[in-house]
Amino acid sequence: MARAAEKQVEEYFTPILRENERHPNGWPVRMMVASQTEARHNRASWAPSHLISIRAPGTKLLSMIDLPPENHLQLIFSDALDQEDPQGARMEAIEQAFAFVDGLPEDAHLLVHCLRGIGRAPALALGILGRYMEPEQAAATLHMLRPEAKPNRHVVTLCDTQIGLKGKLARQALRFPAKVWKPAKG
């Protein structure tokens, strides 16, 4: 019985990279992106080992997945697009998220969520993916993970800057939302 549940979890978190030499622990990017409601309702079947929760200032997480504190990173910033908005994302949040991801063990199953799973979580997921693959491949992979995504451009810009992609990842974010993902025109 436990073996069947373990197999089901593996199906939810299919590795995006089979081998990942760029991650300190070889984590093959087993990641899902969801809304807070999806995360709560599917917590038993998805059974993530690690969680990044993004919530707005002044809000609470409602009965979230029970994980040890070291496996659950909570980031607090709004979905603001204006870099001057005091409640918007800051580089420190991106640095925290990337450090958390760098500490993931090879067998980690990461779930990244925000309230609706449309803006902040996909933006951070795009940044995470952009650390391990080319920006266009990262965007195509995010589309596969979360087709309805509309990554928060401010968060993507912060990720792009932190990775040193000189706007390449931010340009890919402009292609969302997309019903069908098409390769970029050369």
Protein backbone atom coordinates (compact mmCIF):
# COMPACT_ATOMS: atom_id res chain seq x y z
CA MET A 1 0.00 0.00 0.00
CA ALA A 2 2.76 2.44 0.94
CA ARG A 3 4.60 1.51 -2.26
CA ALA A 4 1.54 2.45 -4.37
CA ALA A 5 1.25 5.83 -2.64
CA GLU A 6 4.97 6.45 -3.17
CA LYS A 7 4.62 5.62 -6.88
CA GLN A 8 1.67 8.01 -7.18
CA VAL A 9 3.68 10.84 -5.58
CA GLU A 10 6.51 10.19 -8.06
CA GLU A 11 4.01 10.55 -10.92
CA TYR A 12 2.90 13.96 -9.61
CA PHE A 13 6.50 15.11 -9.23
CA THR A 14 8.09 13.78 -12.40
CA PRO A 15 11.67 15.07 -12.51
CA ILE A 16 12.19 17.86 -15.00
CA LEU A 17 15.89 17.03 -15.23
CA ARG A 18 17.01 13.43 -14.75
CA GLU A 19 20.50 14.58 -13.77
CA ASN A 20 21.19 18.05 -12.47
CA GLU A 21 24.88 18.75 -12.00
CA ARG A 22 24.13 22.45 -11.42
CA HIS A 23 22.29 21.79 -8.13
CA PRO A 24 24.55 21.34 -5.06
CA ASN A 25 22.82 18.03 -4.16
CA GLY A 26 21.87 16.94 -7.68
CA TRP A 27 18.15 17.70 -7.15
CA PRO A 28 16.48 16.84 -10.49
CA VAL A 29 13.83 19.59 -10.18
CA ARG A 30 10.81 17.66 -8.95
CA MET A 31 8.44 20.58 -8.62
CA MET A 32 4.78 21.47 -8.76
CA VAL A 33 3.13 24.90 -8.83
CA ALA A 34 -0.30 25.38 -7.31
CA SER A 35 -2.76 27.66 -5.59
CA GLN A 36 -3.13 27.61 -1.82
CA THR A 37 -6.50 25.86 -2.17
CA GLU A 38 -5.07 23.16 -4.47
CA ALA A 39 -2.16 22.63 -2.08
CA ARG A 40 -4.50 22.23 0.89
CA HIS A 41 -6.97 19.92 -0.89
CA ASN A 42 -4.28 17.69 -2.42
CA ARG A 43 -1.79 17.65 0.44
CA ALA A 44 -2.30 13.96 1.22
CA SER A 45 -2.03 12.68 -2.35
CA TRP A 46 0.72 15.09 -3.48
CA ALA A 47 2.72 14.64 -0.25
CA PRO A 48 5.47 17.16 -1.00
CA SER A 49 8.62 16.86 1.07
CA HIS A 50 9.33 20.60 0.78
CA LEU A 51 7.10 23.62 0.42
CA ILE A 52 7.50 27.27 -0.55
CA SER A 53 4.43 29.27 0.46
CA ILE A 54 4.05 32.82 -0.80
CA ARG A 55 1.47 34.97 0.92
CA ALA A 56 0.60 38.64 1.10
CA PRO A 57 1.46 40.74 4.16
CA GLY A 58 -1.25 40.53 6.80
CA THR A 59 -2.62 37.18 5.61
CA LYS A 60 -2.34 33.67 7.11
CA LEU A 61 -1.88 30.23 5.63
CA LEU A 62 -4.94 28.11 6.27
CA SER A 63 -4.27 24.55 7.49
CA MET A 64 -1.33 24.01 5.21
CA ILE A 65 0.72 20.88 4.71
CA ASP A 66 2.33 19.76 7.96
CA LEU A 67 6.10 19.76 7.43
CA PRO A 68 9.07 20.40 9.70
CA PRO A 69 9.93 24.13 9.73
CA GLU A 70 13.19 23.53 7.87
CA ASN A 71 11.20 22.04 4.95
CA HIS A 72 8.74 24.92 4.66
CA LEU A 73 9.83 28.35 3.49
CA GLN A 74 7.26 31.12 3.89
CA LEU A 75 7.77 34.24 1.81
CA ILE A 76 5.65 37.30 2.46
CA PHE A 77 5.05 39.73 -0.39
CA SER A 78 2.09 40.91 -2.43
CA ASP A 79 1.41 40.36 -6.12
CA ALA A 80 2.42 43.99 -6.80
CA LEU A 81 4.06 44.67 -10.14
CA ASP A 82 5.51 48.02 -9.09
CA GLN A 83 9.04 47.65 -7.72
CA GLU A 84 8.41 50.67 -5.49
CA ASP A 85 5.40 49.07 -3.77
CA PRO A 86 6.48 48.48 -0.15
CA GLN A 87 4.55 45.19 -0.01
CA GLY A 88 5.98 43.86 -3.28
CA ALA A 89 8.72 41.28 -3.63
CA ARG A 90 12.28 42.20 -2.68
CA MET A 91 15.58 40.63 -3.70
CA GLU A 92 15.95 39.19 -0.19
CA ALA A 93 12.92 36.93 -0.81
CA ILE A 94 14.44 35.63 -4.04
CA GLU A 95 17.76 35.03 -2.30
CA GLN A 96 15.96 33.13 0.49
CA ALA A 97 14.08 31.00 -2.05
CA PHE A 98 17.21 30.17 -4.04
CA ALA A 99 19.11 29.29 -0.85
CA PHE A 100 16.21 27.03 0.20
CA VAL A 101 16.27 25.32 -3.20
CA ASP A 102 20.06 24.92 -3.00
CA GLY A 103 19.56 22.96 0.23
CA LEU A 104 17.04 20.50 -1.22
CA PRO A 105 18.13 16.87 -1.08
CA GLU A 106 18.22 14.87 -4.29
CA ASP A 107 14.93 13.12 -3.44
CA ALA A 108 12.99 16.33 -2.65
CA HIS A 109 9.47 16.92 -3.95
CA LEU A 110 8.97 20.70 -3.98
CA LEU A 111 5.58 22.39 -4.07
CA VAL A 112 5.54 26.14 -4.71
CA HIS A 113 2.25 27.91 -4.09
CA CYS A 114 0.70 31.34 -3.71
CA LEU A 115 -2.93 32.27 -3.18
CA ARG A 116 -4.16 31.66 -6.74
CA GLY A 117 -1.14 29.90 -8.26
CA ILE A 118 -1.17 32.31 -11.19
CA GLY A 119 1.32 35.14 -10.52
CA ARG A 120 3.85 34.87 -7.69
CA ALA A 121 4.39 31.09 -7.46
CA PRO A 122 4.79 30.66 -11.24
CA ALA A 123 7.19 33.62 -11.32
CA LEU A 124 9.35 32.09 -8.60
CA ALA A 125 9.12 28.67 -10.29
CA LEU A 126 10.29 30.28 -13.55
CA GLY A 127 13.25 31.71 -11.65
CA ILE A 128 14.05 28.32 -10.15
CA LEU A 129 13.85 26.69 -13.57
CA GLY A 130 15.97 29.47 -15.08
CA ARG A 131 18.84 28.42 -12.83
CA TYR A 132 19.00 24.98 -14.45
CA MET A 133 18.01 25.47 -18.10
CA GLU A 134 17.94 28.07 -20.84
CA PRO A 135 15.26 30.77 -20.39
CA GLU A 136 13.07 29.57 -23.28
CA GLN A 137 13.19 25.97 -22.03
CA ALA A 138 12.41 27.21 -18.52
CA ALA A 139 9.34 29.07 -19.81
CA ALA A 140 8.15 26.07 -21.83
CA THR A 141 8.58 23.87 -18.76
CA LEU A 142 6.62 26.32 -16.59
CA HIS A 143 3.86 26.28 -19.19
CA MET A 144 3.80 22.47 -18.94
CA LEU A 145 3.63 22.67 -15.13
CA ARG A 146 1.09 25.52 -14.97
CA PRO A 147 -0.53 26.39 -18.33
CA GLU A 148 -2.71 29.12 -16.81
CA ALA A 149 0.32 30.92 -15.36
CA LYS A 150 0.76 34.64 -15.71
CA PRO A 151 4.09 35.08 -13.88
CA ASN A 152 4.42 38.24 -11.83
CA ARG A 153 6.83 40.28 -13.94
CA HIS A 154 8.40 42.04 -10.99
CA VAL A 155 9.26 38.71 -9.31
CA VAL A 156 10.62 37.35 -12.61
CA THR A 157 12.77 40.46 -13.06
CA LEU A 158 14.23 39.96 -9.58
CA CYS A 159 14.96 36.30 -10.39
CA ASP A 160 16.46 37.26 -13.74
CA THR A 161 18.73 39.79 -12.03
CA GLN A 162 19.77 37.33 -9.31
CA ILE A 163 20.66 34.67 -11.88
CA GLY A 164 22.39 37.19 -14.16
CA LEU A 165 20.34 36.48 -17.29
CA LYS A 166 20.28 40.13 -18.44
CA GLY A 167 16.54 40.21 -19.16
CA LYS A 168 16.29 36.90 -21.03
CA LEU A 169 14.04 35.29 -18.41
CA ALA A 170 11.96 38.46 -18.04
CA ARG A 171 11.34 38.46 -21.81
CA GLN A 172 10.07 34.89 -21.62
CA ALA A 173 7.57 35.90 -18.92
CA LEU A 174 5.96 38.27 -21.43
CA ARG A 175 4.81 35.21 -23.42
CA PHE A 176 2.34 34.21 -20.67
CA PRO A 177 -0.49 33.38 -20.46
CA ALA A 178 -0.58 31.09 -23.47
CA LYS A 179 -3.14 28.43 -24.32
CA VAL A 180 -0.59 26.62 -26.50
CA TRP A 181 3.16 27.00 -26.07
CA LYS A 182 5.00 27.73 -29.29
CA PRO A 183 8.77 28.00 -29.67
CA ALA A 184 10.02 31.58 -29.79
CA LYS A 185 10.68 33.03 -33.19
CA GLY A 186 14.41 33.17 -33.82
